[in-house]
Amino acid sequence: MATTKITVNNNGSLRVEGDFEIVDKNGNVYDLNGRELVSICRCGLSMNKPFCDGSHKGHFEHDAVAFALPPKKTL
């Protein structure tokens, strides 16, 4: 099975690479034209959402440092 890697970039996008598909809220698949790497907007400023177009530069700050989530809730 191929892997998908998502990298949270400092002050920017989510970089998605590997074997993946991206769908809209209705389940329609975005045509990525064979791309195995895309950047997803996190700042909300992109004119090409959900994809990043670089509009965040100078307008979005986030220091991407990994941490552990709290334990998963159980019913």
N, C-alpha and C. Protein backbone atom coordinates (compact mmCIF):
# COMPACT_ATOMS: atom_id res chain seq x y z
N MET A 1 0.84 -1.18 0.00
CA MET A 1 0.00 0.00 0.00
C MET A 1 0.88 1.24 0.00
N ALA A 2 0.60 2.17 -0.90
CA ALA A 2 1.36 3.42 -0.97
C ALA A 2 1.01 4.30 0.22
N THR A 3 1.92 5.15 0.60
CA THR A 3 1.69 6.01 1.74
C THR A 3 1.39 7.44 1.31
N THR A 4 0.71 8.13 2.19
CA THR A 4 0.43 9.54 2.01
C THR A 4 1.12 10.27 3.15
N LYS A 5 1.83 11.33 2.83
CA LYS A 5 2.52 12.13 3.84
C LYS A 5 1.93 13.53 3.81
N ILE A 6 1.56 14.04 4.99
CA ILE A 6 1.06 15.41 5.11
C ILE A 6 2.03 16.16 6.00
N THR A 7 2.59 17.23 5.46
CA THR A 7 3.55 18.05 6.20
C THR A 7 2.90 19.39 6.52
N VAL A 8 2.90 19.76 7.81
CA VAL A 8 2.38 21.06 8.23
C VAL A 8 3.54 22.05 8.14
N ASN A 9 3.46 22.96 7.19
CA ASN A 9 4.53 23.94 6.99
C ASN A 9 4.41 25.11 7.94
N ASN A 10 5.55 25.62 8.41
CA ASN A 10 5.55 26.85 9.20
C ASN A 10 4.92 27.96 8.38
N ASN A 11 4.04 28.72 8.98
CA ASN A 11 3.46 29.91 8.36
C ASN A 11 2.89 29.64 6.97
N GLY A 12 2.32 28.47 6.77
CA GLY A 12 1.82 28.18 5.43
C GLY A 12 0.92 26.98 5.33
N SER A 13 1.02 26.34 4.21
CA SER A 13 0.10 25.30 3.77
C SER A 13 0.34 23.93 4.41
N LEU A 14 -0.58 23.03 4.08
CA LEU A 14 -0.40 21.60 4.34
C LEU A 14 0.08 20.99 3.03
N ARG A 15 1.23 20.38 3.04
CA ARG A 15 1.80 19.74 1.85
C ARG A 15 1.38 18.28 1.88
N VAL A 16 0.66 17.85 0.85
CA VAL A 16 0.16 16.48 0.76
C VAL A 16 0.88 15.80 -0.39
N GLU A 17 1.53 14.67 -0.10
CA GLU A 17 2.25 13.97 -1.16
C GLU A 17 2.09 12.47 -1.03
N GLY A 18 2.14 11.80 -2.16
CA GLY A 18 2.00 10.35 -2.18
C GLY A 18 0.79 9.93 -2.97
N ASP A 19 0.12 8.90 -2.48
CA ASP A 19 -1.06 8.35 -3.12
C ASP A 19 -2.29 8.84 -2.37
N PHE A 20 -3.08 9.73 -2.98
CA PHE A 20 -4.24 10.31 -2.31
C PHE A 20 -5.23 10.81 -3.33
N GLU A 21 -6.43 11.09 -2.87
CA GLU A 21 -7.41 11.83 -3.66
C GLU A 21 -8.03 12.86 -2.74
N ILE A 22 -8.51 13.94 -3.32
CA ILE A 22 -9.16 15.01 -2.57
C ILE A 22 -10.57 15.14 -3.12
N VAL A 23 -11.55 15.14 -2.22
CA VAL A 23 -12.95 15.24 -2.63
C VAL A 23 -13.61 16.46 -1.99
N ASP A 24 -14.66 16.98 -2.64
CA ASP A 24 -15.40 18.10 -2.08
C ASP A 24 -16.46 17.56 -1.11
N LYS A 25 -17.28 18.46 -0.57
CA LYS A 25 -18.27 18.07 0.44
C LYS A 25 -19.32 17.09 -0.10
N ASN A 26 -19.45 17.02 -1.41
CA ASN A 26 -20.41 16.10 -2.03
C ASN A 26 -19.77 14.80 -2.48
N GLY A 27 -18.48 14.64 -2.23
CA GLY A 27 -17.78 13.43 -2.62
C GLY A 27 -17.21 13.47 -4.03
N ASN A 28 -17.33 14.61 -4.71
CA ASN A 28 -16.77 14.75 -6.06
C ASN A 28 -15.26 14.89 -5.97
N VAL A 29 -14.55 14.15 -6.81
CA VAL A 29 -13.10 14.13 -6.78
C VAL A 29 -12.52 15.30 -7.58
N TYR A 30 -11.57 16.03 -6.98
CA TYR A 30 -10.85 17.08 -7.70
C TYR A 30 -9.92 16.41 -8.71
N ASP A 31 -9.86 16.93 -9.93
CA ASP A 31 -8.96 16.43 -10.95
C ASP A 31 -7.59 17.06 -10.72
N LEU A 32 -6.66 16.27 -10.21
CA LEU A 32 -5.32 16.76 -9.88
C LEU A 32 -4.35 16.61 -11.05
N ASN A 33 -4.84 16.16 -12.19
CA ASN A 33 -4.03 16.01 -13.39
C ASN A 33 -2.71 15.28 -13.14
N GLY A 34 -2.78 14.19 -12.39
CA GLY A 34 -1.61 13.34 -12.17
C GLY A 34 -0.65 13.79 -11.09
N ARG A 35 -0.98 14.89 -10.41
CA ARG A 35 -0.06 15.37 -9.37
C ARG A 35 0.00 14.39 -8.21
N GLU A 36 1.20 14.21 -7.68
CA GLU A 36 1.41 13.40 -6.48
C GLU A 36 1.82 14.28 -5.31
N LEU A 37 1.72 15.59 -5.50
CA LEU A 37 2.05 16.56 -4.46
C LEU A 37 1.20 17.81 -4.69
N VAL A 38 0.47 18.23 -3.66
CA VAL A 38 -0.28 19.48 -3.70
C VAL A 38 -0.13 20.16 -2.34
N SER A 39 -0.42 21.45 -2.31
CA SER A 39 -0.42 22.20 -1.06
C SER A 39 -1.83 22.70 -0.80
N ILE A 40 -2.32 22.45 0.40
CA ILE A 40 -3.67 22.83 0.80
C ILE A 40 -3.61 24.08 1.66
N CYS A 41 -4.48 25.04 1.36
CA CYS A 41 -4.54 26.32 2.08
C CYS A 41 -4.99 26.11 3.53
N ARG A 42 -4.30 26.77 4.45
CA ARG A 42 -4.73 26.78 5.85
C ARG A 42 -5.15 28.17 6.30
N CYS A 43 -4.77 29.20 5.57
CA CYS A 43 -5.00 30.57 6.03
C CYS A 43 -6.34 31.13 5.59
N GLY A 44 -6.94 30.55 4.55
CA GLY A 44 -8.21 31.05 4.03
C GLY A 44 -8.09 32.18 3.04
N LEU A 45 -6.87 32.60 2.70
CA LEU A 45 -6.67 33.74 1.80
C LEU A 45 -6.51 33.34 0.33
N SER A 46 -6.29 32.07 0.04
CA SER A 46 -6.05 31.62 -1.33
C SER A 46 -7.26 31.89 -2.22
N MET A 47 -6.99 32.31 -3.45
CA MET A 47 -8.05 32.49 -4.44
C MET A 47 -8.31 31.17 -5.17
N ASN A 48 -7.56 30.12 -4.81
CA ASN A 48 -7.63 28.82 -5.47
C ASN A 48 -7.96 27.73 -4.44
N LYS A 49 -8.76 28.08 -3.40
CA LYS A 49 -9.08 27.12 -2.35
C LYS A 49 -9.75 25.89 -2.94
N PRO A 50 -9.43 24.72 -2.46
CA PRO A 50 -8.72 24.43 -1.23
C PRO A 50 -7.20 24.43 -1.38
N PHE A 51 -6.71 24.78 -2.56
CA PHE A 51 -5.28 24.71 -2.82
C PHE A 51 -4.60 26.04 -2.48
N CYS A 52 -3.37 25.95 -2.05
CA CYS A 52 -2.59 27.13 -1.68
C CYS A 52 -2.07 27.85 -2.92
N ASP A 53 -2.16 29.18 -2.90
CA ASP A 53 -1.59 29.97 -3.99
C ASP A 53 -0.53 30.95 -3.49
N GLY A 54 -0.12 30.80 -2.22
CA GLY A 54 0.93 31.64 -1.66
C GLY A 54 0.42 32.94 -1.05
N SER A 55 -0.88 33.17 -1.03
CA SER A 55 -1.44 34.41 -0.48
C SER A 55 -1.15 34.60 1.00
N HIS A 56 -0.81 33.53 1.70
CA HIS A 56 -0.56 33.59 3.15
C HIS A 56 0.71 34.36 3.51
N LYS A 57 1.61 34.50 2.58
CA LYS A 57 2.92 35.09 2.89
C LYS A 57 2.76 36.45 3.56
N GLY A 58 3.25 36.53 4.80
CA GLY A 58 3.18 37.75 5.58
C GLY A 58 1.85 37.98 6.29
N HIS A 59 0.90 37.05 6.13
CA HIS A 59 -0.43 37.23 6.71
C HIS A 59 -0.89 36.07 7.58
N PHE A 60 -0.02 35.11 7.80
CA PHE A 60 -0.42 33.90 8.53
C PHE A 60 0.78 33.39 9.29
N GLU A 61 0.62 33.21 10.60
CA GLU A 61 1.73 32.72 11.41
C GLU A 61 1.32 31.48 12.18
N HIS A 62 2.13 30.46 12.06
CA HIS A 62 1.95 29.24 12.83
C HIS A 62 3.27 28.49 12.85
N ASP A 63 3.78 28.24 14.04
CA ASP A 63 5.01 27.49 14.20
C ASP A 63 4.66 26.02 14.24
N ALA A 64 4.94 25.31 13.17
CA ALA A 64 4.54 23.91 13.03
C ALA A 64 5.49 22.99 13.80
N VAL A 65 5.09 22.66 15.02
CA VAL A 65 5.87 21.76 15.86
C VAL A 65 4.94 20.64 16.32
N ALA A 66 5.35 19.40 16.09
CA ALA A 66 4.52 18.24 16.44
C ALA A 66 4.32 18.12 17.94
N PHE A 67 3.16 17.61 18.33
CA PHE A 67 2.85 17.35 19.73
C PHE A 67 1.88 16.17 19.80
N ALA A 68 1.71 15.63 20.98
CA ALA A 68 0.80 14.49 21.17
C ALA A 68 -0.60 15.00 21.50
N LEU A 69 -1.59 14.43 20.85
CA LEU A 69 -2.99 14.73 21.17
C LEU A 69 -3.35 14.10 22.49
N PRO A 70 -4.36 14.62 23.18
CA PRO A 70 -4.81 13.96 24.41
C PRO A 70 -5.40 12.60 24.06
N PRO A 71 -5.54 11.72 25.06
CA PRO A 71 -6.09 10.39 24.78
C PRO A 71 -7.44 10.48 24.08
N LYS A 72 -7.69 9.53 23.19
CA LYS A 72 -8.94 9.44 22.45
C LYS A 72 -10.08 9.17 23.41
N LYS A 73 -11.18 9.90 23.23
CA LYS A 73 -12.36 9.69 24.10
C LYS A 73 -13.00 8.35 23.79
N THR A 74 -13.46 7.70 24.83
CA THR A 74 -14.17 6.43 24.65
C THR A 74 -15.58 6.59 25.17
N LEU A 75 -16.48 5.85 24.60
CA LEU A 75 -17.90 5.92 25.01
C LEU A 75 -18.18 5.03 26.18
